[in-house]
Amino acid sequence: MSRKIAGFLVALAAFMVFEWINLGFNLQDGHDTGFYVVHGILIAVNIILAVVLGIIGLRGLGKVPSWWRRAARRPHDGSRRSS
């Protein structure tokens, strides 16, 4: 992935988090409960998508914490792999 695309994903993730949290605070009173349930689900799903896009973008930029890189290289079968 190019740095340009990775940067775009990080910027998109930041915008999505800002946008959906802002929407959550701006919901007006006076609607049915279903309205708030649907919008709450939309907000939660879109924040999760933003986090996933942000992680992909950060990995593309190579800006992930060192503990995360070590955890990603750890074998899943329980055996130790020599580095």
N, C-alpha and C. Protein backbone atom coordinates (compact mmCIF):
# COMPACT_ATOMS: atom_id res chain seq x y z
N MET A 1 0.85 -1.17 0.00
CA MET A 1 0.00 0.00 0.00
C MET A 1 0.90 1.24 0.00
N SER A 2 0.53 2.21 -0.80
CA SER A 2 1.34 3.42 -0.87
C SER A 2 1.10 4.30 0.37
N ARG A 3 2.04 5.17 0.63
CA ARG A 3 1.91 6.08 1.77
C ARG A 3 0.74 7.03 1.58
N LYS A 4 0.46 7.39 0.34
CA LYS A 4 -0.66 8.28 0.06
C LYS A 4 -2.00 7.63 0.44
N ILE A 5 -2.16 6.39 0.06
CA ILE A 5 -3.40 5.67 0.39
C ILE A 5 -3.49 5.45 1.90
N ALA A 6 -2.38 5.08 2.53
CA ALA A 6 -2.37 4.88 3.98
C ALA A 6 -2.73 6.17 4.70
N GLY A 7 -2.18 7.28 4.26
CA GLY A 7 -2.51 8.57 4.87
C GLY A 7 -3.97 8.93 4.68
N PHE A 8 -4.50 8.62 3.50
CA PHE A 8 -5.92 8.86 3.24
C PHE A 8 -6.79 8.05 4.20
N LEU A 9 -6.43 6.79 4.43
CA LEU A 9 -7.21 5.94 5.33
C LEU A 9 -7.19 6.48 6.76
N VAL A 10 -6.04 6.95 7.20
CA VAL A 10 -5.95 7.52 8.55
C VAL A 10 -6.79 8.79 8.64
N ALA A 11 -6.71 9.65 7.63
CA ALA A 11 -7.51 10.88 7.63
C ALA A 11 -9.01 10.56 7.56
N LEU A 12 -9.38 9.59 6.76
CA LEU A 12 -10.78 9.19 6.66
C LEU A 12 -11.28 8.65 8.00
N ALA A 13 -10.47 7.84 8.66
CA ALA A 13 -10.85 7.30 9.96
C ALA A 13 -11.05 8.42 10.98
N ALA A 14 -10.15 9.38 11.01
CA ALA A 14 -10.28 10.50 11.95
C ALA A 14 -11.55 11.29 11.67
N PHE A 15 -11.83 11.53 10.39
CA PHE A 15 -13.04 12.26 10.01
C PHE A 15 -14.29 11.49 10.42
N MET A 16 -14.30 10.17 10.19
CA MET A 16 -15.47 9.36 10.53
C MET A 16 -15.74 9.38 12.02
N VAL A 17 -14.69 9.26 12.82
CA VAL A 17 -14.88 9.29 14.28
C VAL A 17 -15.46 10.65 14.69
N PHE A 18 -14.88 11.73 14.19
CA PHE A 18 -15.37 13.07 14.52
C PHE A 18 -16.82 13.24 14.07
N GLU A 19 -17.11 12.85 12.84
CA GLU A 19 -18.44 13.05 12.27
C GLU A 19 -19.52 12.29 13.04
N TRP A 20 -19.27 11.03 13.34
CA TRP A 20 -20.31 10.22 13.97
C TRP A 20 -20.47 10.54 15.46
N ILE A 21 -19.40 10.90 16.13
CA ILE A 21 -19.55 11.33 17.53
C ILE A 21 -20.30 12.66 17.57
N ASN A 22 -20.00 13.55 16.64
CA ASN A 22 -20.71 14.82 16.55
C ASN A 22 -22.19 14.58 16.28
N LEU A 23 -22.51 13.66 15.38
CA LEU A 23 -23.91 13.34 15.10
C LEU A 23 -24.60 12.83 16.36
N GLY A 24 -23.91 11.98 17.11
CA GLY A 24 -24.50 11.45 18.34
C GLY A 24 -24.86 12.54 19.33
N PHE A 25 -24.00 13.54 19.45
CA PHE A 25 -24.29 14.63 20.39
C PHE A 25 -25.36 15.58 19.86
N ASN A 26 -25.54 15.62 18.54
CA ASN A 26 -26.49 16.56 17.96
C ASN A 26 -27.88 15.99 17.74
N LEU A 27 -28.12 14.74 18.11
CA LEU A 27 -29.47 14.19 17.96
C LEU A 27 -30.42 14.93 18.90
N GLN A 28 -31.53 15.40 18.34
CA GLN A 28 -32.50 16.19 19.10
C GLN A 28 -33.48 15.27 19.84
N ASP A 29 -34.03 15.77 20.92
CA ASP A 29 -35.07 15.04 21.65
C ASP A 29 -36.36 15.08 20.85
N GLY A 30 -37.29 14.19 21.19
CA GLY A 30 -38.61 14.23 20.58
C GLY A 30 -38.83 13.15 19.53
N HIS A 31 -37.88 12.25 19.35
CA HIS A 31 -38.07 11.16 18.39
C HIS A 31 -38.47 9.90 19.13
N ASP A 32 -38.99 8.95 18.36
CA ASP A 32 -39.32 7.64 18.93
C ASP A 32 -38.04 6.92 19.35
N THR A 33 -38.21 5.92 20.22
CA THR A 33 -37.06 5.15 20.70
C THR A 33 -36.34 4.46 19.55
N GLY A 34 -37.10 3.95 18.58
CA GLY A 34 -36.50 3.26 17.44
C GLY A 34 -35.52 4.14 16.67
N PHE A 35 -35.82 5.42 16.58
CA PHE A 35 -34.92 6.37 15.91
C PHE A 35 -33.56 6.39 16.58
N TYR A 36 -33.58 6.45 17.92
CA TYR A 36 -32.32 6.50 18.66
C TYR A 36 -31.58 5.17 18.62
N VAL A 37 -32.32 4.06 18.61
CA VAL A 37 -31.68 2.74 18.52
C VAL A 37 -30.98 2.59 17.19
N VAL A 38 -31.68 2.94 16.10
CA VAL A 38 -31.08 2.82 14.76
C VAL A 38 -29.86 3.72 14.64
N HIS A 39 -29.96 4.95 15.08
CA HIS A 39 -28.82 5.85 14.98
C HIS A 39 -27.68 5.44 15.89
N GLY A 40 -28.01 4.89 17.06
CA GLY A 40 -26.96 4.37 17.94
C GLY A 40 -26.20 3.22 17.29
N ILE A 41 -26.94 2.33 16.62
CA ILE A 41 -26.29 1.22 15.90
C ILE A 41 -25.43 1.75 14.76
N LEU A 42 -25.96 2.70 14.00
CA LEU A 42 -25.18 3.31 12.91
C LEU A 42 -23.89 3.95 13.43
N ILE A 43 -24.00 4.66 14.54
CA ILE A 43 -22.82 5.31 15.12
C ILE A 43 -21.80 4.26 15.55
N ALA A 44 -22.25 3.22 16.24
CA ALA A 44 -21.33 2.18 16.72
C ALA A 44 -20.63 1.47 15.56
N VAL A 45 -21.40 1.09 14.55
CA VAL A 45 -20.81 0.38 13.40
C VAL A 45 -19.81 1.27 12.67
N ASN A 46 -20.15 2.52 12.48
CA ASN A 46 -19.24 3.42 11.76
C ASN A 46 -17.99 3.74 12.57
N ILE A 47 -18.09 3.80 13.88
CA ILE A 47 -16.88 4.02 14.70
C ILE A 47 -15.98 2.79 14.61
N ILE A 48 -16.58 1.60 14.63
CA ILE A 48 -15.79 0.37 14.48
C ILE A 48 -15.10 0.35 13.12
N LEU A 49 -15.82 0.71 12.06
CA LEU A 49 -15.21 0.78 10.73
C LEU A 49 -14.07 1.80 10.70
N ALA A 50 -14.27 2.93 11.36
CA ALA A 50 -13.22 3.96 11.40
C ALA A 50 -11.98 3.44 12.11
N VAL A 51 -12.16 2.70 13.20
CA VAL A 51 -11.01 2.15 13.92
C VAL A 51 -10.27 1.15 13.04
N VAL A 52 -11.01 0.30 12.34
CA VAL A 52 -10.38 -0.68 11.44
C VAL A 52 -9.61 0.02 10.33
N LEU A 53 -10.23 1.03 9.70
CA LEU A 53 -9.54 1.78 8.64
C LEU A 53 -8.30 2.49 9.19
N GLY A 54 -8.42 3.04 10.39
CA GLY A 54 -7.27 3.72 11.00
C GLY A 54 -6.12 2.75 11.26
N ILE A 55 -6.45 1.55 11.74
CA ILE A 55 -5.40 0.56 11.99
C ILE A 55 -4.74 0.14 10.69
N ILE A 56 -5.53 -0.09 9.65
CA ILE A 56 -4.96 -0.46 8.34
C ILE A 56 -4.07 0.66 7.84
N GLY A 57 -4.54 1.91 7.96
CA GLY A 57 -3.73 3.05 7.52
C GLY A 57 -2.45 3.20 8.30
N LEU A 58 -2.53 3.03 9.61
CA LEU A 58 -1.32 3.14 10.43
C LEU A 58 -0.33 2.02 10.11
N ARG A 59 -0.83 0.83 9.87
CA ARG A 59 0.06 -0.27 9.49
C ARG A 59 0.72 0.04 8.15
N GLY A 60 -0.03 0.66 7.23
CA GLY A 60 0.53 1.03 5.94
C GLY A 60 1.60 2.09 6.06
N LEU A 61 1.45 2.97 7.03
CA LEU A 61 2.46 4.01 7.26
C LEU A 61 3.63 3.50 8.10
N GLY A 62 3.47 2.31 8.67
CA GLY A 62 4.52 1.75 9.53
C GLY A 62 4.55 2.39 10.90
N LYS A 63 3.42 2.95 11.34
CA LYS A 63 3.38 3.65 12.63
C LYS A 63 2.50 2.88 13.60
N VAL A 64 2.90 1.67 13.88
CA VAL A 64 2.20 0.89 14.89
C VAL A 64 3.16 0.67 16.05
N PRO A 65 2.64 0.55 17.26
CA PRO A 65 3.52 0.35 18.42
C PRO A 65 4.34 -0.92 18.31
N SER A 66 5.51 -0.94 18.91
CA SER A 66 6.39 -2.10 18.82
C SER A 66 5.76 -3.33 19.46
N TRP A 67 4.98 -3.16 20.54
CA TRP A 67 4.35 -4.33 21.17
C TRP A 67 3.35 -4.97 20.23
N TRP A 68 2.73 -4.17 19.35
CA TRP A 68 1.76 -4.70 18.41
C TRP A 68 2.45 -5.55 17.34
N ARG A 69 3.60 -5.06 16.86
CA ARG A 69 4.35 -5.81 15.85
C ARG A 69 4.82 -7.14 16.42
N ARG A 70 5.28 -7.13 17.68
CA ARG A 70 5.71 -8.39 18.30
C ARG A 70 4.54 -9.35 18.44
N ALA A 71 3.38 -8.84 18.82
CA ALA A 71 2.21 -9.70 18.98
C ALA A 71 1.75 -10.26 17.65
N ALA A 72 1.87 -9.49 16.59
CA ALA A 72 1.44 -9.95 15.27
C ALA A 72 2.36 -11.05 14.73
N ARG A 73 3.64 -11.05 15.13
CA ARG A 73 4.59 -12.06 14.66
C ARG A 73 4.55 -13.33 15.48
N ARG A 74 3.89 -13.30 16.62
CA ARG A 74 3.84 -14.46 17.51
C ARG A 74 3.09 -15.60 16.82
N PRO A 75 3.66 -16.82 16.82
CA PRO A 75 2.96 -17.94 16.18
C PRO A 75 1.68 -18.28 16.93
N HIS A 76 0.69 -18.77 16.18
CA HIS A 76 -0.61 -19.06 16.77
C HIS A 76 -0.71 -20.46 17.35
N ASP A 77 0.23 -21.35 17.01
CA ASP A 77 0.11 -22.73 17.47
C ASP A 77 0.77 -22.95 18.83
N GLY A 78 1.28 -21.91 19.45
CA GLY A 78 1.88 -22.03 20.77
C GLY A 78 3.36 -22.32 20.75
N SER A 79 3.89 -22.70 19.59
CA SER A 79 5.33 -22.97 19.52
C SER A 79 6.09 -21.67 19.35
N ARG A 80 7.34 -21.67 19.73
CA ARG A 80 8.20 -20.49 19.61
C ARG A 80 8.92 -20.54 18.27
N ARG A 81 8.99 -19.40 17.63
CA ARG A 81 9.69 -19.29 16.36
C ARG A 81 10.94 -18.47 16.61
N SER A 82 12.06 -18.94 16.11
CA SER A 82 13.30 -18.19 16.32
C SER A 82 13.39 -17.06 15.30
N SER A 83 13.85 -15.89 15.76
CA SER A 83 13.94 -14.73 14.87
C SER A 83 15.36 -14.50 14.44
